[in-house]
Protein backbone atom coordinates (compact mmCIF):
# COMPACT_ATOMS: atom_id res chain seq x y z
CA UNK A 1 38.91 -24.29 5.14
CA UNK A 2 36.81 -23.14 8.01
CA UNK A 3 33.38 -22.79 8.28
CA UNK A 4 31.27 -21.11 10.67
CA UNK A 5 27.71 -21.42 10.91
CA UNK A 6 25.26 -18.93 12.83
CA UNK A 7 22.32 -20.41 14.70
CA UNK A 8 19.06 -19.23 12.70
CA UNK A 9 17.34 -18.76 16.14
CA UNK A 10 19.38 -15.91 17.05
CA UNK A 11 17.23 -13.35 15.61
CA UNK A 12 20.10 -10.61 15.83
CA UNK A 13 18.90 -8.08 13.55
CA UNK A 14 14.86 -8.45 13.74
CA UNK A 15 12.87 -5.74 15.72
CA UNK A 16 10.74 -6.40 18.50
CA UNK A 17 7.51 -5.32 16.73
CA UNK A 18 3.51 -6.21 16.41
CA UNK A 19 2.93 -7.30 12.97
CA UNK A 20 -0.43 -7.25 13.51
CA UNK A 21 -0.73 -3.61 14.60
CA UNK A 22 1.74 -2.75 11.47
CA UNK A 23 -0.76 -4.52 9.07
CA UNK A 24 -3.88 -2.99 10.69
CA UNK A 25 -2.05 0.51 10.63
CA UNK A 26 -1.12 0.28 6.94
CA UNK A 27 -4.77 -0.85 6.46
CA UNK A 28 -6.34 2.32 7.98
CA UNK A 29 -4.00 4.45 6.76
CA UNK A 30 -4.72 3.40 2.90
CA UNK A 31 -8.50 2.71 3.81
CA UNK A 32 -8.36 6.94 4.96
CA UNK A 33 -6.56 8.03 2.06
CA UNK A 34 -8.62 6.53 -0.41
CA UNK A 35 -11.76 7.51 1.50
CA UNK A 36 -10.85 11.30 1.20
CA UNK A 37 -9.92 10.44 -2.65
CA UNK A 38 -13.20 9.02 -2.92
CA UNK A 39 -15.13 12.06 -1.23
CA UNK A 40 -12.87 14.44 -3.01
CA UNK A 41 -13.93 13.16 -6.33
CA UNK A 42 -17.29 13.38 -5.82
CA UNK A 43 -17.20 17.00 -4.46
CA UNK A 44 -15.34 17.72 -7.61
CA UNK A 45 -18.08 15.73 -9.94
CA UNK A 46 -20.90 17.91 -8.08
CA UNK A 47 -18.95 21.36 -9.12
CA UNK A 48 -18.51 20.01 -12.67
CA UNK A 49 -22.03 19.08 -13.09
C-alpha cells in the first residue's frame, strides 16, 4: 500500500482574503439592512396609528 501525505502548510485552495474586512463588510451590510427595516416599521406604525 502506497500512502501519500500532503503538507498542511501548503494552502493550495485558500484564497488570499482579508478576514477582518470580510467580517466588517458583513456586519456593516447587515446593520444597514436592519436599520432600513427598523425605520420602515416605524413609518408603517405611524401611518397605521
